Amino acid sequence: MRTDIAIVGGGPGGYTAAHEAALRGRSVVLFEADLIGGTCLNRGCIPTKALIHAAETYAAARGADSLGVSCTGVSYDMRAMHERTDAVMATLREGIEKLMRTDGVRVVNGTAQVGAGGVVTCAGETFEADDVIIATGARPNRLPIPGADLAGVCTSDDLLEGDGIDLSSLVIVGGGVIGIECAQIYASLGCEVTILEAMERILPPMDREISQRVAMLMKRRGVTIEAKARVQSIAGEKGAMVVTYEDKRGAVHEAKGDVVLMATGRRPMTEGLFASGAEPELERGAVVTDAAGQTSIPHLYAIGDVRAHTIQLAHVASAQARNVVATICGEEPPVDESVVPSCVYTSPEVASVGLTADEAKAAGIAVRCSKQLTGANGRSLVEESEAGYVKLVCDEATGRVLGAQLVCPRATDLVAEVALAIHLGATAADVAATIHPHPTVSEMIMEAAR
C-alpha cells in the first residue's frame, strides 16, 4: 500500500501528527502495537491523575471536620477506583479512534518495523511512505541491581493497570515526577511510603525551592524521604520486600514495604524497530534528530519520548508532531518548542516554566524575582491549601517575564498564563495591567507581577 505519511506509534505525538497531516489532505497510516493513546492515556498522565483525584477525595472526606462537614464510615475501594479510571481512559480512547476515522486515517494494530526507503511492514502487510514519523515513546526503566527482577518489584505500569495494587507500605526507588505522584496517591490512602532518591533532592530537574517545599509537604503526610540514597540490592517476596541502600554518610540501611516501585526514568522504545541496515543515528537507544525532527536518514523523523534530548512530556510530543508535519508539508513550524511547562500533580500542585533564578544567573542574566504566598490569597485560604507560593523571574533591565515557579492550587492550569507571557515577550507590567478575577488563585500571578 502506498501512503503519503506513515506514523509508527499512536500516542499523543503519533495521533496528533496523523490528525495534522490529514487536515492538510495527506494520506496517513498510523501503526500502534498496543492501545491508541499511548503511555500518556493508558499508563501515565490520565490514570495517575484520575487516581490522584480519587485518593485526594478520600483524604479530604476524612479531614473535612475543619470545614464543618462530618463524614463517617469513609473508605475506599481500590478496584472501584481503577474501574472508574478505566472508564475515563476508554472514553478518551474512543474519542481518538473516532477522530482518526473522521480524518480518514488508517490505523493498523501491530508491531511495525521500519525499513529503507520509507518501507514499513506490519501485520503481514507492506507499506510505502514518502515520509515516516517515529513516535514509539518510551517504557519504564529498571536499575541493573540485584533483585530488580523480583515479583515484588513493579513499575508504574504495574501499579496503574488492571484492578490496582492495594498496599499498606510502599518503597519507591526514584524521586522524580513519577515517583512523587505515585507517593501522592498511596500516601493519601494512608499507605506508609518511603522514597529513595539517588540525587541530593527529589524532583532534581526542578527549582531547588520547589523540591524543598514538596519534600516538606510530603513529610507532613508521613512520607519518608531519603536523598543521596544509593540502592544496593532488593530482596524478599511480595508483601515483605527489603531494599538495602547506602545513605549520604555511607551508612547502610534497609527500607521495607509490601512492594517496591521502580520509578527510575523511562527508556526509548526502539528495540526491533528498524530493519537491519535501516537504522538512523541512535544515542543510548534514542533517535537523534536535528531541531526540525529530521533524523540522519532523509524523510525519516522522530517525535516525543523516543527522540534524543527531548523532555518526556505528552505536550512536548504533541508540539513536535505539529512542527514536524508542518515541516514535511513545506510550512513554518507553528509551535514554540523553547517554552515548555512542567507539572507535578501533588497537593498543592506544582508547575514551572522558563528560567529559574539560578539558571538565569548561570546564563549571566540579571533578574528580579517576586513571590506571592498562598497565605495572602483568598481562594487558597477558602480551600485550606497547604503553604505555597507563586514566584516570577523577570529580566531586571527590561522587566520581561523569563520564568515562574508555582506551588499552589491549580498551578498546572495557571502556568499556561506565564508560558504565554514568556512566548509573547510580555513584561511584568503587562501582566500586572491585566485584570484578574477575584477571588481566584490567578490573582497571585498578578500580585507577583505588581
Protein backbone atom coordinates (compact mmCIF):
# COMPACT_ATOMS: atom_id res chain seq x y z
CA MET A 1 0.00 0.00 0.00
CA ARG A 2 1.21 3.50 -0.84
CA THR A 3 0.69 6.41 1.58
CA ASP A 4 1.99 9.94 1.98
CA ILE A 5 2.94 9.65 5.65
CA ALA A 6 3.45 6.59 7.85
CA ILE A 7 3.46 7.14 11.61
CA VAL A 8 4.75 4.48 14.00
CA GLY A 9 3.19 4.92 17.44
CA GLY A 10 -0.31 6.08 18.38
CA GLY A 11 0.40 8.17 21.48
CA PRO A 12 -0.06 11.97 21.81
CA GLY A 13 2.69 12.60 19.28
CA GLY A 14 1.53 9.95 16.82
CA TYR A 15 -2.19 10.67 16.74
CA THR A 16 -1.59 14.44 16.74
CA ALA A 17 0.72 14.05 13.74
CA ALA A 18 -1.88 11.88 11.99
CA HIS A 19 -4.59 14.48 12.58
CA GLU A 20 -2.41 17.39 11.44
CA ALA A 21 -1.38 15.54 8.28
CA ALA A 22 -4.96 14.55 7.48
CA LEU A 23 -6.09 18.16 7.86
CA ARG A 24 -3.60 19.04 5.12
CA GLY A 25 -5.07 16.44 2.80
CA ARG A 26 -2.26 13.88 3.19
CA SER A 27 -2.97 10.15 3.23
CA VAL A 28 -1.87 8.66 6.55
CA VAL A 29 -1.31 5.21 8.03
CA LEU A 30 -0.89 5.06 11.81
CA PHE A 31 0.67 1.96 13.40
CA GLU A 32 0.04 1.10 17.06
CA ALA A 33 1.23 -2.08 18.77
CA ASP A 34 -0.96 -1.65 21.85
CA LEU A 35 -3.79 0.75 22.72
CA ILE A 36 -4.19 4.04 20.90
CA GLY A 37 -3.40 6.97 23.13
CA GLY A 38 -0.02 5.60 24.13
CA THR A 39 1.57 5.77 27.57
CA CYS A 40 0.01 9.11 28.49
CA LEU A 41 -3.57 7.95 28.10
CA ASN A 42 -3.23 4.32 29.15
CA ARG A 43 -0.35 4.08 31.64
CA GLY A 44 0.67 7.62 32.55
CA CYS A 45 -0.86 11.09 32.62
CA ILE A 46 -4.55 10.17 32.65
CA PRO A 47 -4.65 7.18 35.03
CA THR A 48 -2.32 8.83 37.55
CA LYS A 49 -4.41 11.99 37.65
CA ALA A 50 -7.65 10.01 37.93
CA LEU A 51 -6.25 8.01 40.84
CA ILE A 52 -4.80 11.13 42.49
CA HIS A 53 -8.24 12.73 42.28
CA ALA A 54 -9.88 9.69 43.88
CA ALA A 55 -7.24 9.39 46.61
CA GLU A 56 -7.40 13.09 47.45
CA THR A 57 -11.20 12.94 47.60
CA TYR A 58 -10.86 10.13 50.16
CA ALA A 59 -8.31 12.09 52.17
CA ALA A 60 -10.44 15.27 52.02
CA ALA A 61 -13.52 13.42 53.27
CA ARG A 62 -11.56 12.04 56.21
CA GLY A 63 -10.32 15.51 57.11
CA ALA A 64 -13.48 17.51 56.43
CA ASP A 65 -14.25 18.30 60.10
CA SER A 66 -12.41 21.62 59.83
CA LEU A 67 -14.98 22.71 57.22
CA GLY A 68 -17.92 21.83 59.46
CA VAL A 69 -18.58 18.68 57.46
CA SER A 70 -18.75 15.40 59.34
CA CYS A 71 -18.07 12.22 57.36
CA THR A 72 -18.37 8.81 58.96
CA GLY A 73 -17.56 5.37 57.64
CA VAL A 74 -15.32 6.77 54.91
CA SER A 75 -13.50 4.05 52.97
CA TYR A 76 -12.03 3.42 49.58
CA ASP A 77 -12.27 0.56 47.10
CA MET A 78 -9.10 0.20 45.03
CA ARG A 79 -10.83 -1.92 42.40
CA ALA A 80 -13.66 0.60 42.00
CA MET A 81 -11.13 3.43 41.74
CA HIS A 82 -9.41 1.62 38.88
CA GLU A 83 -12.71 0.76 37.19
CA ARG A 84 -13.61 4.43 37.15
CA THR A 85 -10.12 5.25 35.84
CA ASP A 86 -10.55 2.64 33.09
CA ALA A 87 -13.87 4.24 32.12
CA VAL A 88 -12.20 7.65 31.76
CA MET A 89 -9.45 6.15 29.60
CA ALA A 90 -11.98 4.26 27.46
CA THR A 91 -13.93 7.47 26.80
CA LEU A 92 -10.80 9.29 25.70
CA ARG A 93 -9.62 6.38 23.53
CA GLU A 94 -12.99 6.26 21.80
CA GLY A 95 -12.66 9.97 21.07
CA ILE A 96 -9.26 9.49 19.44
CA GLU A 97 -10.47 6.48 17.44
CA LYS A 98 -13.45 8.50 16.19
CA LEU A 99 -11.13 11.38 15.25
CA MET A 100 -8.92 9.03 13.23
CA ARG A 101 -11.96 7.60 11.41
CA THR A 102 -13.29 11.08 10.68
CA ASP A 103 -9.88 12.13 9.38
CA GLY A 104 -9.66 9.09 7.12
CA VAL A 105 -6.52 7.83 8.88
CA ARG A 106 -5.98 4.11 8.56
CA VAL A 107 -4.99 2.62 11.93
CA VAL A 108 -3.07 -0.66 11.80
CA ASN A 109 -2.75 -2.63 15.04
CA GLY A 110 0.53 -4.49 15.34
CA THR A 111 4.27 -4.11 15.80
CA ALA A 112 5.71 -2.19 12.89
CA GLN A 113 9.25 -2.32 11.53
CA VAL A 114 10.78 0.49 9.52
CA GLY A 115 12.95 -0.46 6.57
CA ALA A 116 14.91 1.51 3.99
CA GLY A 117 13.26 3.89 1.55
CA GLY A 118 10.13 4.58 3.58
CA VAL A 119 9.02 0.94 3.73
CA VAL A 120 7.10 -0.11 6.84
CA THR A 121 5.98 -3.67 7.48
CA CYS A 122 3.27 -4.58 9.99
CA ALA A 123 0.73 -7.36 10.49
CA GLY A 124 1.83 -9.12 7.33
CA GLU A 125 1.43 -6.04 5.13
CA THR A 126 3.97 -3.79 3.47
CA PHE A 127 3.50 -0.05 3.23
CA GLU A 128 5.49 2.50 1.25
CA ALA A 129 5.53 6.09 2.50
CA ASP A 130 7.03 9.33 1.26
CA ASP A 131 7.78 10.31 4.87
CA VAL A 132 7.92 8.27 8.09
CA ILE A 133 7.49 9.64 11.61
CA ILE A 134 8.73 7.61 14.59
CA ALA A 135 6.59 8.17 17.69
CA THR A 136 7.05 4.93 19.63
CA GLY A 137 7.55 6.59 23.02
CA ALA A 138 9.35 5.04 25.99
CA ARG A 139 8.86 2.36 28.62
CA PRO A 140 9.76 2.21 32.34
CA ASN A 141 13.41 1.62 33.11
CA ARG A 142 14.70 -0.78 35.77
CA LEU A 143 18.00 -0.27 37.54
CA PRO A 144 20.53 -3.09 36.95
CA ILE A 145 20.78 -4.03 40.64
CA PRO A 146 20.40 -7.40 42.38
CA GLY A 147 16.74 -8.22 42.94
CA ALA A 148 15.31 -5.72 40.44
CA ASP A 149 13.52 -8.54 38.63
CA LEU A 150 11.78 -10.00 41.71
CA ALA A 151 8.00 -10.43 41.70
CA GLY A 152 7.64 -7.81 44.43
CA VAL A 153 9.29 -5.13 42.27
CA CYS A 154 6.94 -3.26 39.96
CA THR A 155 6.90 -0.30 37.60
CA SER A 156 4.33 2.47 37.28
CA ASP A 157 2.69 0.39 34.53
CA ASP A 158 2.04 -2.40 37.05
CA LEU A 159 0.52 -0.02 39.61
CA LEU A 160 -1.76 1.66 37.10
CA GLU A 161 -3.04 -1.31 35.10
CA GLY A 162 -5.78 -3.80 35.99
CA ASP A 163 -7.50 -3.59 39.36
CA GLY A 164 -4.57 -1.83 41.01
CA ILE A 165 -2.45 -2.94 43.96
CA ASP A 166 -3.72 -2.12 47.45
CA LEU A 167 -0.81 -1.65 49.85
CA SER A 168 -0.12 -0.81 53.47
CA SER A 169 3.52 0.08 52.73
CA LEU A 170 5.47 1.01 49.63
CA VAL A 171 9.14 1.72 48.87
CA ILE A 172 9.70 3.94 45.84
CA VAL A 173 13.11 3.95 44.18
CA GLY A 174 13.29 7.31 42.41
CA GLY A 175 12.05 10.73 43.47
CA GLY A 176 11.20 12.17 40.08
CA VAL A 177 7.72 13.11 38.88
CA ILE A 178 6.51 9.50 38.52
CA GLY A 179 7.74 8.54 41.98
CA ILE A 180 6.32 11.65 43.63
CA GLU A 181 2.89 11.31 42.01
CA CYS A 182 2.65 7.63 42.98
CA ALA A 183 3.67 8.62 46.51
CA GLN A 184 0.87 11.20 46.46
CA ILE A 185 -1.71 8.53 45.57
CA TYR A 186 -0.69 5.98 48.17
CA ALA A 187 0.08 8.43 50.98
CA SER A 188 -3.40 9.95 50.54
CA LEU A 189 -4.85 6.46 51.03
CA GLY A 190 -2.96 6.03 54.31
CA CYS A 191 -0.14 3.87 52.96
CA GLU A 192 3.30 4.10 54.57
CA VAL A 193 5.58 5.41 51.81
CA THR A 194 9.38 5.63 51.63
CA ILE A 195 11.14 7.41 48.75
CA LEU A 196 14.79 6.65 47.96
CA GLU A 197 16.35 9.24 45.64
CA ALA A 198 19.96 8.97 44.42
CA MET A 199 20.33 12.71 43.79
CA GLU A 200 20.69 15.31 46.53
CA ARG A 201 16.97 16.15 46.42
CA ILE A 202 13.67 14.94 45.00
CA LEU A 203 12.45 16.44 41.70
CA PRO A 204 16.07 17.22 40.77
CA PRO A 205 15.36 18.94 37.41
CA MET A 206 13.05 21.48 39.04
CA ASP A 207 13.80 24.62 41.05
CA ARG A 208 15.51 23.86 44.36
CA GLU A 209 12.87 25.72 46.36
CA ILE A 210 10.12 23.64 44.72
CA SER A 211 11.95 20.45 45.68
CA GLN A 212 12.31 21.63 49.26
CA ARG A 213 8.65 22.64 49.51
CA VAL A 214 7.36 19.37 48.04
CA ALA A 215 9.64 17.39 50.37
CA MET A 216 8.23 19.29 53.34
CA LEU A 217 4.63 18.69 52.25
CA MET A 218 5.30 15.00 51.63
CA LYS A 219 6.88 14.58 55.06
CA ARG A 220 3.82 16.21 56.65
CA ARG A 221 1.78 13.41 55.09
CA GLY A 222 4.04 10.83 56.68
CA VAL A 223 6.21 10.09 53.65
CA THR A 224 9.83 9.22 54.46
CA ILE A 225 12.32 10.73 52.01
CA GLU A 226 15.95 9.63 51.80
CA ALA A 227 18.04 11.72 49.38
CA LYS A 228 21.52 10.73 48.21
CA ALA A 229 20.44 7.14 48.77
CA ARG A 230 22.33 4.57 46.70
CA VAL A 231 20.28 1.40 46.36
CA GLN A 232 22.48 -1.68 46.63
CA SER A 233 20.03 -4.56 46.42
CA ILE A 234 16.41 -5.67 46.70
CA ALA A 235 15.30 -8.87 48.40
CA GLY A 236 12.19 -10.63 49.71
CA GLU A 237 8.83 -11.54 48.26
CA LYS A 238 5.70 -9.54 47.52
CA GLY A 239 4.28 -8.42 50.86
CA ALA A 240 7.70 -8.42 52.54
CA MET A 241 10.25 -6.60 50.39
CA VAL A 242 13.53 -5.18 51.69
CA VAL A 243 15.63 -2.54 49.91
CA THR A 244 19.20 -2.16 51.12
CA TYR A 245 20.69 1.28 50.49
CA GLU A 246 23.64 3.43 51.49
CA ASP A 247 22.89 6.91 52.82
CA LYS A 248 24.84 10.11 52.15
CA ARG A 249 27.21 9.33 55.03
CA GLY A 250 27.99 5.84 53.78
CA ALA A 251 25.91 4.05 56.39
CA VAL A 252 23.85 1.07 55.21
CA HIS A 253 20.11 0.93 55.92
CA GLU A 254 17.03 -1.09 54.98
CA ALA A 255 13.67 0.17 53.77
CA LYS A 256 10.77 -2.27 53.98
CA GLY A 257 7.48 -2.39 52.11
CA ASP A 258 4.85 -4.67 50.64
CA VAL A 259 6.08 -3.73 47.17
CA VAL A 260 8.99 -1.83 45.64
CA LEU A 261 8.16 0.65 42.87
CA MET A 262 10.97 1.21 40.39
CA ALA A 263 10.46 4.82 39.26
CA THR A 264 13.86 5.41 37.71
CA GLY A 265 13.01 7.03 34.41
CA ARG A 266 11.97 5.70 31.03
CA ARG A 267 13.95 4.38 28.06
CA PRO A 268 13.13 4.89 24.37
CA MET A 269 11.31 2.07 22.59
CA THR A 270 13.50 1.33 19.58
CA GLU A 271 14.29 -2.37 20.09
CA GLY A 272 13.50 -4.18 16.83
CA LEU A 273 12.01 -1.02 15.36
CA PHE A 274 14.40 -0.69 12.44
CA ALA A 275 15.29 -3.35 9.90
CA SER A 276 18.95 -4.23 9.56
CA GLY A 277 20.75 -1.51 7.64
CA ALA A 278 17.88 0.97 8.03
CA GLU A 279 18.82 2.31 11.46
CA PRO A 280 19.20 6.08 11.87
CA GLU A 281 21.75 7.51 14.28
CA LEU A 282 20.88 6.47 17.83
CA GLU A 283 22.10 7.68 21.22
CA ARG A 284 21.53 5.26 24.09
CA GLY A 285 18.59 3.87 22.17
CA ALA A 286 17.04 7.27 21.43
CA VAL A 287 16.67 8.56 17.88
CA VAL A 288 18.95 11.51 17.16
CA THR A 289 17.39 14.37 15.18
CA ASP A 290 18.06 17.97 14.30
CA ALA A 291 15.89 20.80 15.65
CA ALA A 292 13.27 20.09 12.96
CA GLY A 293 12.93 16.44 13.98
CA GLN A 294 14.81 15.11 10.91
CA THR A 295 16.92 12.01 11.59
CA SER A 296 20.18 11.08 9.87
CA ILE A 297 18.05 9.43 7.15
CA PRO A 298 16.14 11.70 4.73
CA HIS A 299 12.34 11.69 5.13
CA LEU A 300 12.59 9.87 8.48
CA TYR A 301 11.54 11.93 11.51
CA ALA A 302 11.17 11.32 15.24
CA ILE A 303 8.98 12.97 17.86
CA GLY A 304 8.22 12.56 21.55
CA ASP A 305 9.86 10.35 24.16
CA VAL A 306 11.77 8.28 21.57
CA ARG A 307 13.65 11.36 20.37
CA ALA A 308 17.05 12.11 21.92
CA HIS A 309 17.42 15.16 24.19
CA THR A 310 13.66 15.61 24.45
CA ILE A 311 11.73 16.31 27.65
CA GLN A 312 9.47 13.27 28.06
CA LEU A 313 6.11 15.02 28.29
CA ALA A 314 2.94 14.43 26.30
CA HIS A 315 2.52 18.10 25.41
CA VAL A 316 6.08 18.19 24.06
CA ALA A 317 5.33 15.21 21.81
CA SER A 318 2.18 16.91 20.54
CA ALA A 319 4.06 20.15 19.86
CA GLN A 320 6.80 18.30 17.99
CA ALA A 321 4.15 16.48 15.98
CA ARG A 322 2.61 19.73 14.78
CA ASN A 323 6.01 21.13 13.86
CA VAL A 324 7.26 18.03 12.04
CA VAL A 325 4.09 17.71 9.95
CA ALA A 326 4.34 21.39 9.06
CA THR A 327 7.96 20.88 8.02
CA ILE A 328 7.04 17.87 5.86
CA CYS A 329 4.33 19.96 4.19
CA GLY A 330 6.71 22.86 3.49
CA GLU A 331 5.30 25.15 6.16
CA GLU A 332 6.88 27.07 9.01
CA PRO A 333 6.69 25.17 12.34
CA PRO A 334 3.79 26.75 14.30
CA VAL A 335 4.79 25.89 17.89
CA ASP A 336 7.49 27.48 20.03
CA GLU A 337 9.27 24.46 21.50
CA SER A 338 11.52 26.58 23.72
CA VAL A 339 8.79 27.31 26.29
CA VAL A 340 7.80 24.07 27.99
CA PRO A 341 5.70 24.00 31.19
CA SER A 342 6.42 21.13 33.60
CA CYS A 343 3.81 19.96 36.10
CA VAL A 344 3.62 17.72 39.16
CA TYR A 345 0.16 16.78 40.47
CA THR A 346 0.83 16.89 44.18
CA SER A 347 -1.38 18.73 46.66
CA PRO A 348 -0.99 21.63 46.19
CA GLU A 349 0.03 21.30 42.57
CA VAL A 350 3.48 22.23 41.29
CA ALA A 351 4.36 23.83 37.96
CA SER A 352 7.34 25.51 36.40
CA VAL A 353 8.14 27.20 33.10
CA GLY A 354 11.05 29.15 31.69
CA LEU A 355 14.13 30.05 33.69
CA THR A 356 14.70 29.74 37.41
CA ALA A 357 16.69 32.44 39.17
CA ASP A 358 19.70 30.10 39.37
CA GLU A 359 19.52 29.28 35.66
CA ALA A 360 19.31 32.97 34.77
CA LYS A 361 22.31 33.72 36.94
CA ALA A 362 24.28 30.91 35.32
CA ALA A 363 23.41 32.41 31.92
CA GLY A 364 24.66 35.82 33.02
CA ILE A 365 21.21 37.41 33.14
CA ALA A 366 20.46 39.83 35.98
CA VAL A 367 16.96 39.12 37.25
CA ARG A 368 14.45 40.40 39.74
CA CYS A 369 12.20 37.88 41.48
CA SER A 370 8.90 38.43 43.22
CA LYS A 371 6.91 35.97 45.31
CA GLN A 372 3.30 35.83 46.47
CA LEU A 373 2.28 33.38 49.20
CA THR A 374 -0.92 31.32 49.30
CA GLY A 375 -1.47 32.61 52.85
CA ALA A 376 -2.36 36.02 51.38
CA ASN A 377 -4.68 34.62 48.69
CA GLY A 378 -8.39 34.42 49.48
CA ARG A 379 -9.19 31.43 47.28
CA SER A 380 -6.28 29.42 48.67
CA LEU A 381 -7.40 30.13 52.23
CA VAL A 382 -11.01 29.20 51.43
CA GLU A 383 -9.81 25.86 50.06
CA GLU A 384 -7.45 25.27 53.00
CA SER A 385 -4.47 24.96 50.72
CA GLU A 386 -1.13 23.94 52.16
CA ALA A 387 1.50 26.67 52.29
CA GLY A 388 2.71 27.55 48.80
CA TYR A 389 3.66 30.40 46.52
CA VAL A 390 3.94 31.87 43.04
CA LYS A 391 7.38 33.18 42.10
CA LEU A 392 8.04 35.23 38.96
CA VAL A 393 11.51 35.61 37.47
CA CYS A 394 11.91 38.73 35.35
CA ASP A 395 14.75 40.41 33.48
CA GLU A 396 15.99 43.21 35.72
CA ALA A 397 16.74 45.55 32.83
CA THR A 398 13.63 45.09 30.69
CA GLY A 399 11.04 43.63 33.05
CA ARG A 400 10.37 40.74 30.62
CA VAL A 401 8.96 37.63 32.22
CA LEU A 402 11.60 34.89 31.96
CA GLY A 403 10.12 32.18 34.14
CA ALA A 404 7.90 31.18 37.01
CA GLN A 405 7.64 28.53 39.70
CA LEU A 406 4.25 27.76 41.27
CA VAL A 407 3.29 25.68 44.30
CA CYS A 408 -0.40 26.40 44.77
CA PRO A 409 -3.90 25.18 43.91
CA ARG A 410 -4.44 24.85 40.13
CA ALA A 411 -0.77 25.55 39.43
CA THR A 412 -0.89 23.18 36.45
CA ASP A 413 -3.57 25.36 34.83
CA LEU A 414 -2.13 28.73 35.86
CA VAL A 415 1.32 28.05 34.43
CA ALA A 416 -0.07 28.42 30.89
CA GLU A 417 -0.59 32.16 31.53
CA VAL A 418 3.09 32.58 32.33
CA ALA A 419 4.11 30.42 29.36
CA LEU A 420 2.09 32.73 27.10
CA ALA A 421 3.72 35.79 28.67
CA ILE A 422 7.18 34.35 28.02
CA HIS A 423 6.29 33.40 24.43
CA LEU A 424 4.92 36.89 23.69
CA GLY A 425 7.80 38.69 25.40
CA ALA A 426 5.44 40.29 27.91
CA THR A 427 6.76 42.24 30.87
CA ALA A 428 5.72 42.12 34.49
CA ALA A 429 3.97 45.44 33.88
CA ASP A 430 1.91 43.85 31.09
CA VAL A 431 0.78 41.05 33.42
CA ALA A 432 0.06 43.49 36.25
CA ALA A 433 -2.02 45.67 33.93
CA THR A 434 -4.31 42.75 33.12
CA ILE A 435 -7.35 42.45 35.40
CA HIS A 436 -7.53 39.03 37.07
CA PRO A 437 -10.85 37.85 38.57
CA HIS A 438 -11.40 37.76 42.35
CA PRO A 439 -11.31 35.57 44.33
CA THR A 440 -9.05 33.27 42.32
CA VAL A 441 -5.62 31.76 42.68
CA SER A 442 -4.66 33.54 39.44
CA GLU A 443 -4.50 36.81 41.39
CA MET A 444 -1.21 35.57 42.83
CA ILE A 445 0.38 35.90 39.38
CA MET A 446 -0.92 39.47 39.04
CA GLU A 447 0.28 40.41 42.53
CA ALA A 448 3.71 38.92 41.95
CA ALA A 449 3.91 40.90 38.71
CA ARG A 450 2.93 44.10 40.51
